[in-house]
Protein backbone atom coordinates (compact mmCIF):
# COMPACT_ATOMS: atom_id res chain seq x y z
CA MET A 1 20.37 -69.96 8.47
CA ALA A 2 22.90 -67.93 6.91
CA LEU A 3 20.75 -67.29 4.08
CA LYS A 4 18.21 -65.86 6.27
CA ALA A 5 20.59 -63.91 8.18
CA LYS A 6 21.78 -62.59 4.81
CA ARG A 7 18.10 -61.80 3.89
CA GLN A 8 17.54 -59.90 7.30
CA SER A 9 20.29 -57.86 7.35
CA CYS A 10 19.26 -56.67 3.26
CA THR A 11 15.73 -55.85 4.68
CA LYS A 12 17.56 -54.06 7.30
CA VAL A 13 19.51 -51.99 4.91
CA TRP A 14 16.73 -51.71 2.18
CA ILE A 15 14.43 -50.08 5.66
CA PHE A 16 17.22 -47.97 6.23
CA ASN A 17 17.60 -46.42 3.09
CA VAL A 18 13.83 -45.70 2.44
CA LEU A 19 13.85 -43.94 5.99
CA LEU A 20 17.13 -42.01 4.88
CA GLY A 21 15.66 -41.19 1.49
CA LEU A 22 12.19 -39.73 3.49
CA CYS A 23 14.50 -37.71 5.66
CA LEU A 24 16.04 -36.30 2.63
CA VAL A 25 13.06 -35.75 0.69
CA SER A 26 11.39 -33.91 3.76
CA VAL A 27 14.47 -31.58 4.20
CA LEU A 28 14.13 -30.77 0.74
CA LEU A 29 10.83 -29.80 0.65
CA PHE A 30 11.14 -27.76 3.95
CA HIS A 31 14.09 -25.75 2.41
CA GLY A 32 12.01 -25.06 -0.58
CA PHE A 33 8.77 -24.45 1.33
CA PHE A 34 10.64 -21.60 3.13
CA LYS A 35 12.76 -20.49 0.13
CA LEU A 36 9.78 -19.60 -1.52
CA GLY A 37 9.02 -17.21 1.30
CA HIS A 38 6.26 -19.14 2.78
CA SER A 39 7.62 -18.28 6.26
CA PHE A 40 5.53 -17.87 9.36
CA ILE A 41 8.25 -17.65 11.81
CA PRO A 42 7.99 -14.26 13.26
CA SER A 43 11.04 -11.98 12.55
CA SER A 44 13.56 -11.19 15.09
CA SER A 45 14.50 -7.64 13.56
CA PRO A 46 13.88 -4.75 16.16
CA PRO A 47 10.88 -2.63 15.48
CA SER A 48 10.80 0.28 13.55
CA GLU A 49 9.78 3.46 14.95
CA GLY A 50 6.72 3.41 12.63
CA GLY A 51 4.09 2.12 14.74
CA ASP A 52 3.46 -0.95 16.33
CA SER A 53 5.18 -3.78 14.58
CA SER A 54 4.79 -6.26 16.85
CA THR A 55 4.00 -9.85 14.94
CA LYS A 56 1.01 -11.73 16.24
CA LYS A 57 -0.84 -14.80 15.11
CA GLY A 58 -2.73 -14.09 11.53
CA GLN A 59 -0.20 -10.83 10.66
CA LEU A 60 2.59 -11.07 8.08
CA PRO A 61 6.21 -11.65 9.72
CA VAL A 62 7.84 -8.24 10.27
CA VAL A 63 10.68 -7.77 7.83
CA GLU A 64 12.78 -4.74 6.54
CA GLY A 65 11.08 -3.59 3.26
CA PRO A 66 8.82 -5.45 1.11
CA GLY A 67 11.57 -7.29 -0.79
CA PRO A 68 11.49 -10.74 1.20
CA LEU A 69 7.70 -10.72 0.80
CA LEU A 70 7.70 -10.50 -2.95
CA GLU A 71 10.03 -13.05 -3.78
CA ALA A 72 7.74 -15.62 -4.28
CA ARG A 73 5.37 -13.54 -6.40
CA GLY A 74 7.95 -12.55 -8.88
CA LYS A 75 9.24 -9.04 -10.59
CA VAL A 76 8.00 -5.46 -9.03
CA VAL A 77 8.60 -2.45 -10.78
CA LYS A 78 11.15 -0.17 -9.43
CA PRO A 79 10.53 3.64 -9.55
CA GLN A 80 10.92 5.49 -12.98
CA ALA A 81 11.21 9.19 -11.85
CA ASN A 82 14.67 9.85 -11.28
CA VAL A 83 14.15 12.86 -9.09
CA LYS A 84 15.38 13.83 -5.67
CA ALA A 85 12.93 15.06 -3.20
CA PRO A 86 13.84 18.53 -1.79
CA TRP A 87 12.97 17.56 1.82
CA VAL A 88 15.04 18.02 4.93
CA PRO A 89 15.72 14.60 6.67
CA ASP A 90 14.20 14.43 9.94
CA THR A 91 17.22 14.19 12.71
CA THR A 92 15.82 14.53 15.75
CA THR A 93 16.39 11.75 18.14
CA THR A 94 13.58 12.08 20.79
CA LEU A 95 10.35 10.19 19.59
CA CYS A 96 6.84 11.97 19.53
CA PRO A 97 4.59 10.75 22.26
CA PRO A 98 2.21 7.55 20.93
CA VAL A 99 -0.90 9.99 21.25
CA PRO A 100 -0.54 13.16 19.48
CA PRO A 101 -1.35 15.87 22.27
CA GLU A 102 -2.85 18.57 19.99
CA LEU A 103 -5.59 16.45 18.55
CA LEU A 104 -8.95 18.12 18.46
CA GLY A 105 -11.42 15.32 18.05
CA PRO A 106 -14.55 16.58 15.72
CA LEU A 107 -13.80 18.90 12.99
CA ALA A 108 -15.62 21.52 11.35
CA THR A 109 -14.40 20.10 8.01
CA TYR A 110 -13.45 23.40 5.58
CA GLN A 111 -15.58 23.72 2.16
CA VAL A 112 -13.82 26.47 1.17
CA ALA A 113 -10.97 25.88 -1.80
CA PRO A 114 -7.98 28.33 -1.18
CA SER A 115 -5.08 28.35 -3.74
CA PHE A 116 -2.53 26.10 -2.86
CA GLU A 117 0.25 28.40 -2.24
CA GLU A 118 -2.71 29.85 0.47
CA VAL A 119 -2.60 26.22 1.77
CA VAL A 120 1.04 26.32 2.18
CA LYS A 121 0.96 30.00 4.14
CA LEU A 122 -1.78 28.74 6.33
CA ASN A 123 0.38 25.45 7.27
CA ASN A 124 3.81 26.67 8.63
CA GLY A 125 6.87 24.24 8.16
CA LEU A 126 5.54 22.81 5.09
CA GLU A 127 7.94 22.19 2.63
CA PRO A 128 7.52 21.94 -1.34
CA GLY A 129 5.85 18.82 -2.78
CA GLY A 130 3.55 18.88 0.39
CA HIS A 131 5.89 17.27 2.72
CA PHE A 132 6.52 17.91 6.66
CA HIS A 133 7.54 16.54 9.50
CA PRO A 134 7.29 17.59 13.06
CA PRO A 135 9.98 20.08 14.41
CA ASP A 136 10.36 19.29 18.13
CA CYS A 137 10.08 15.09 17.89
CA ARG A 138 10.77 12.77 15.38
CA ALA A 139 7.72 11.04 14.00
CA ARG A 140 6.41 7.21 14.87
CA SER A 141 5.08 7.05 11.00
CA ARG A 142 6.50 7.96 7.68
CA VAL A 143 3.37 8.20 5.57
CA ALA A 144 2.81 8.64 1.99
CA VAL A 145 -0.95 9.97 1.10
CA VAL A 146 -1.46 8.69 -2.21
CA ILE A 147 -4.53 10.45 -4.07
CA PRO A 148 -5.59 9.04 -7.51
CA TYR A 149 -6.63 12.31 -9.54
CA ARG A 150 -8.00 13.56 -12.91
CA ASP A 151 -9.62 16.85 -13.27
CA ARG A 152 -10.88 17.42 -9.44
CA GLU A 153 -8.92 20.82 -8.81
CA GLN A 154 -11.63 22.44 -6.31
CA HIS A 155 -11.93 18.99 -4.81
CA LEU A 156 -8.35 18.52 -4.72
CA ARG A 157 -7.69 22.51 -2.95
CA ILE A 158 -10.41 21.38 -0.39
CA LEU A 159 -8.93 18.32 0.75
CA VAL A 160 -5.46 19.72 1.28
CA HIS A 161 -6.48 22.34 2.90
CA ASN A 162 -8.50 20.03 5.40
CA LEU A 163 -5.79 17.45 5.68
CA HIS A 164 -2.41 19.52 5.93
CA PRO A 165 -3.22 20.91 9.50
CA MET A 166 -5.00 17.22 10.59
CA LEU A 167 -1.86 15.33 9.87
CA MET A 168 0.60 17.91 11.34
CA ARG A 169 -1.44 17.87 14.63
CA GLN A 170 -1.14 13.89 14.22
CA GLN A 171 2.94 14.69 14.23
CA LEU A 172 3.25 12.17 11.02
CA ASP A 173 6.35 12.43 8.94
CA TYR A 174 4.11 12.68 5.73
CA ALA A 175 3.76 13.96 1.80
CA ILE A 176 0.79 13.92 -0.27
CA ILE A 177 1.31 12.35 -3.27
CA VAL A 178 -1.16 13.19 -6.27
CA VAL A 179 -0.79 10.56 -9.04
CA GLU A 180 -2.83 12.04 -12.37
CA LEU A 181 -3.50 9.95 -15.10
CA ALA A 182 -3.01 11.70 -18.44
CA LEU A 183 -5.85 11.95 -21.22
CA PRO A 184 -7.60 10.25 -22.79
CA THR A 185 -7.33 6.97 -21.15
CA GLU A 186 -9.87 5.99 -19.38
CA PHE A 187 -9.48 6.19 -15.66
CA ASN A 188 -7.97 3.64 -13.40
CA ARG A 189 -8.03 4.33 -9.79
CA ALA A 190 -6.36 1.29 -8.62
CA MET A 191 -3.67 1.24 -11.02
CA LEU A 192 -2.57 5.03 -10.23
CA MET A 193 -2.56 3.84 -6.35
CA ASN A 194 0.08 1.48 -7.20
CA ILE A 195 1.99 3.70 -9.15
CA GLY A 196 1.82 6.38 -6.64
CA ALA A 197 3.16 3.89 -3.87
CA VAL A 198 5.78 2.87 -6.20
CA GLU A 199 7.02 6.09 -6.85
CA ALA A 200 6.72 7.33 -3.68
CA LEU A 201 9.16 5.04 -2.32
CA GLY A 202 11.37 6.73 -4.62
CA LEU A 203 11.31 9.69 -3.06
CA TRP A 204 11.02 9.17 0.64
CA ASP A 205 11.84 5.89 3.32
CA PHE A 206 7.75 5.51 3.61
CA GLN A 207 6.67 3.01 6.06
CA CYS A 208 2.96 2.65 5.07
CA PHE A 209 0.42 4.31 2.49
CA ILE A 210 -2.73 6.00 2.89
CA PHE A 211 -4.73 5.94 -0.27
CA HIS A 212 -7.28 8.60 -0.74
CA ASP A 213 -10.14 9.43 -2.41
CA VAL A 214 -10.04 13.34 -3.39
CA ASP A 215 -13.91 13.88 -2.42
CA LEU A 216 -13.65 12.40 1.16
CA VAL A 217 -12.91 14.89 4.03
CA PRO A 218 -12.11 13.57 7.19
CA GLU A 219 -14.39 14.96 10.27
CA ASN A 220 -12.22 13.64 13.26
CA ASP A 221 -8.57 14.10 13.88
CA ARG A 222 -8.41 11.34 16.19
CA ASN A 223 -8.86 8.92 13.33
CA LEU A 224 -5.09 8.76 12.92
CA TYR A 225 -3.36 8.40 9.65
CA SER A 226 -0.24 6.79 10.95
CA CYS A 227 0.89 3.25 10.29
CA PRO A 228 -1.49 0.28 11.06
CA GLU A 229 -0.47 -2.92 12.49
CA MET A 230 -3.10 -4.50 10.47
CA PRO A 231 -4.69 -3.20 7.10
CA ARG A 232 -7.21 -0.41 8.37
CA HIS A 233 -10.17 0.88 6.51
CA LEU A 234 -10.58 4.81 7.37
CA SER A 235 -13.53 6.12 5.89
CA VAL A 236 -16.17 3.85 7.73
CA ALA A 237 -18.81 6.52 8.14
CA VAL A 238 -19.43 8.59 5.30
CA ASP A 239 -22.30 11.08 5.07
CA LYS A 240 -23.62 10.11 1.80
CA PHE A 241 -24.68 6.54 3.56
CA GLY A 242 -26.20 8.07 6.47
CA TYR A 243 -22.67 7.68 8.51
CA LYS A 244 -22.91 3.91 8.60
CA LEU A 245 -20.85 1.30 7.17
CA PRO A 246 -22.65 -0.20 3.68
CA HIS A 247 -21.09 -3.65 4.00
CA PRO A 248 -18.56 -5.46 6.37
CA MET A 249 -16.24 -6.06 3.32
CA ILE A 250 -16.20 -2.52 2.24
CA PHE A 251 -12.49 -1.44 1.59
CA GLY A 252 -12.05 1.80 -0.38
CA GLY A 253 -12.72 5.66 -0.16
CA VAL A 254 -9.81 5.83 2.42
CA THR A 255 -7.42 2.81 3.41
CA ALA A 256 -4.14 2.64 5.15
CA LEU A 257 -1.73 -0.50 4.62
CA ARG A 258 1.86 -0.82 5.71
CA ARG A 259 4.22 -1.07 2.68
CA GLU A 260 5.14 -4.65 3.46
CA GLN A 261 1.51 -5.91 3.66
CA PHE A 262 0.80 -3.86 0.44
CA TYR A 263 3.88 -5.50 -1.54
CA ALA A 264 3.06 -8.78 -0.10
CA ILE A 265 -0.50 -8.83 -1.50
CA ASN A 266 1.06 -7.65 -4.74
CA GLY A 267 -0.84 -4.29 -4.36
CA TYR A 268 -4.27 -3.56 -6.30
CA PRO A 269 -5.29 -5.13 -9.46
CA ASN A 270 -4.19 -3.20 -12.66
CA LYS A 271 -7.38 -4.15 -14.94
CA TYR A 272 -10.33 -2.06 -13.78
CA PHE A 273 -10.99 0.58 -16.14
CA GLY A 274 -13.84 2.53 -15.23
CA TRP A 275 -15.84 2.93 -12.02
CA GLY A 276 -16.17 -0.03 -9.64
CA GLY A 277 -15.10 -3.31 -8.51
CA GLU A 278 -11.42 -2.91 -7.38
CA ASP A 279 -11.87 -2.37 -3.86
CA ASP A 280 -13.78 -5.64 -3.56
CA ASP A 281 -10.97 -7.45 -5.42
CA MET A 282 -8.52 -5.69 -2.96
CA ALA A 283 -10.49 -6.43 0.33
CA PHE A 284 -10.19 -10.40 -0.98
CA ARG A 285 -6.56 -9.84 -1.77
CA VAL A 286 -6.18 -8.32 2.22
CA THR A 287 -8.21 -11.35 3.84
CA GLU A 288 -6.68 -14.30 1.33
CA SER A 289 -2.95 -13.21 2.89
CA ASN A 290 -4.23 -13.81 6.17
CA LEU A 291 -4.85 -10.20 7.09
CA THR A 292 -7.42 -8.64 8.73
CA ILE A 293 -9.46 -5.51 7.81
CA THR A 294 -9.54 -3.41 10.86
CA ARG A 295 -11.49 0.23 11.46
CA ASP A 296 -12.33 2.72 14.13
CA GLU A 297 -15.46 3.64 15.60
CA LEU A 298 -18.24 5.05 13.65
CA ASP A 299 -18.20 8.46 15.77
CA VAL A 300 -14.08 8.99 14.76
CA ALA A 301 -14.11 7.55 11.19
CA LYS A 302 -16.25 9.98 9.95
CA TYR A 303 -16.04 11.58 6.31
CA ARG A 304 -17.58 13.90 4.28
CA MET A 305 -18.30 13.52 0.55
CA LEU A 306 -17.77 16.08 -1.73
CA LYS A 307 -20.41 16.60 -4.38
CA HIS A 308 -19.57 16.01 -7.97
CA ASP A 309 -21.11 14.64 -11.27
CA ARG A 310 -19.71 11.53 -12.66
CA ASP A 311 -16.17 11.96 -14.17
CA TRP A 312 -15.91 11.43 -17.89
CA GLY A 313 -13.82 8.70 -18.71
CA ASN A 314 -15.07 6.92 -15.38
CA ASP A 315 -18.07 5.09 -16.58
CA PRO A 316 -19.50 2.10 -14.62
CA ASN A 317 -16.92 -0.83 -15.59
CA PRO A 318 -19.15 -3.56 -17.61
CA LYS A 319 -16.41 -5.72 -16.65
CA ARG A 320 -16.16 -5.37 -13.11
CA TRP A 321 -18.19 -8.14 -12.31
CA GLU A 322 -16.32 -11.01 -14.27
CA LEU A 323 -13.12 -9.56 -12.84
CA ILE A 324 -14.13 -9.67 -9.21
CA ASN A 325 -15.17 -13.37 -9.71
CA THR A 326 -11.60 -14.25 -11.04
CA TRP A 327 -9.71 -12.14 -8.72
CA LYS A 328 -7.82 -15.29 -6.95
CA SER A 329 -6.78 -16.80 -10.18
CA ARG A 330 -5.14 -13.17 -11.12
CA HIS A 331 -4.13 -12.68 -7.47
CA ASP A 332 -0.54 -13.52 -8.54
CA LYS A 333 -0.32 -12.13 -12.06
CA ASP A 334 -2.24 -8.81 -11.85
CA GLY A 335 -0.65 -6.08 -9.58
CA LEU A 336 2.49 -4.51 -8.56
CA ASN A 337 4.36 -7.35 -10.78
CA SER A 338 2.68 -6.58 -13.76
CA LEU A 339 2.59 -2.67 -13.30
CA GLN A 340 3.29 -0.97 -16.76
CA TYR A 341 3.57 2.59 -17.02
CA THR A 342 5.38 6.08 -18.30
CA ILE A 343 6.17 9.01 -16.03
CA GLN A 344 5.42 12.36 -18.17
CA LYS A 345 6.56 14.33 -15.43
CA VAL A 346 6.98 15.01 -11.61
CA GLU A 347 6.82 17.91 -9.67
CA PHE A 348 7.05 19.46 -6.37
CA ARG A 349 4.45 21.62 -6.22
CA PRO A 350 2.70 23.68 -3.00
CA ALA A 351 1.00 21.65 -0.86
CA TYR A 352 1.63 18.51 -2.81
CA THR A 353 3.79 16.53 -5.11
CA TRP A 354 2.63 15.95 -8.59
CA ILE A 355 2.90 12.69 -10.58
CA ASN A 356 1.61 12.56 -14.42
CA VAL A 357 1.40 9.34 -16.02
CA THR A 358 0.26 8.04 -19.13
CA ILE A 359 -1.07 4.02 -19.20
CA ASP A 360 -1.74 1.77 -22.21
CA LYS A 361 -4.87 0.16 -21.45
CA ASP A 362 -4.68 -2.37 -24.33
CA THR A 363 -1.41 -3.35 -23.01
CA ILE A 364 -2.29 -3.89 -19.37
CA LEU A 365 -5.68 -5.51 -20.33
CA LYS A 366 -3.71 -8.31 -22.27
CA VAL A 367 -0.60 -8.72 -20.26
CA ARG A 368 0.61 -11.96 -18.93
CA THR A 369 2.82 -11.91 -16.20
CA ALA A 370 5.45 -14.53 -16.07
CA VAL A 371 6.84 -15.43 -12.58
CA VAL A 372 10.22 -13.72 -12.27
CA ARG A 373 11.93 -14.00 -9.62
CA VAL A 374 13.64 -10.39 -8.77
CA LEU A 375 14.43 -9.39 -5.09
CA CYS A 376 13.94 -5.29 -4.58
CA VAL A 377 13.96 -3.91 -1.40
CA ALA A 378 12.63 -0.30 -0.80
CA PRO A 379 13.55 2.35 -0.71
CA SER A 380 17.19 3.35 -0.06
CA PHE A 381 18.26 -0.25 -0.99
CA PHE A 382 16.16 -0.17 -4.43
CA ASP A 383 19.92 -0.99 -6.06
CA VAL A 384 20.40 -4.19 -4.25
CA CYS A 385 18.50 -6.30 -6.95
CA SER A 386 18.63 -10.06 -8.05
CA GLY A 387 16.81 -11.19 -10.76
CA GLY A 388 16.14 -13.97 -13.47
CA SER A 389 13.50 -15.64 -15.45
CA SER A 390 11.82 -18.70 -15.59
């Protein structure tokens, strides 16, 4: 009997130890899962003034800055340009109304191309570098309009001539950021948009980005350039395509993302040199990240495409299909965490901010990013970073 009782006691102790071990393993796994940044618990942080930041099913948790969503992805570069924007902070306390009261709806788009100095004279309140904030109320969205650019001055003059009065009526705190790739490197639209986003956050506390092709002119000011709740495809109906959506997964031309969303999906891929492919890659990144591409109605999200010939140095990318087919394996390695570039010059020009950059194609195509854990929150908190390598 004593032996039997001893065996039963040992069995109970063994079972207890097994259960205790399982509990400890579960706790460690649970802790590790959330430490890596895979939290799906909505943040209790109060919403900012930049649009609707409520958390719903399928939406990324709301955080202050992109840092917490980047931690598991790896290192993200900080802005290189050590310049101070000559922009006056908005001290107004009264928020602008949710619906801007002076919107016109359908627009007669300008096809004339005045000088940038003339654009400034036509738009009262515009600061150097193409920055504006409403004089009578505090904007609900702080927006960086990022334009990837090379050798299209006529189009740029037409575009800023159309954009500035529209964005002013939309009561945004915004700036137009033109990122130009220095010759002779083959054009890389996606990488310029990554650079524009990173450098914009070094200039101002922007809450979201509008990525804008230089040859697309909006035809309705009710197509708001404010910060979206979900990634928004703005150029839905383009005249070139008969004002119809070419296909449901298109996410190019003019798009909008909150900075948290953009950093969480690792930005655009960097390896698309030449024309084509990067928009499809980006659409996959967005949907894979549990986000939804949203659009306005066709009669609102209308654009006119300015006519132009194929750009020199922007021939169709022969490797675009290979890159598109391997997007998933590159998602965590090719983007903001592998961004390498050199700032040549930053100028706060009349009507826009100009950022001139050089990139090394060979370096970008060969780069393999190790997972380096760096927490960098933007924009005024860039000095709060911790890092290490593995």
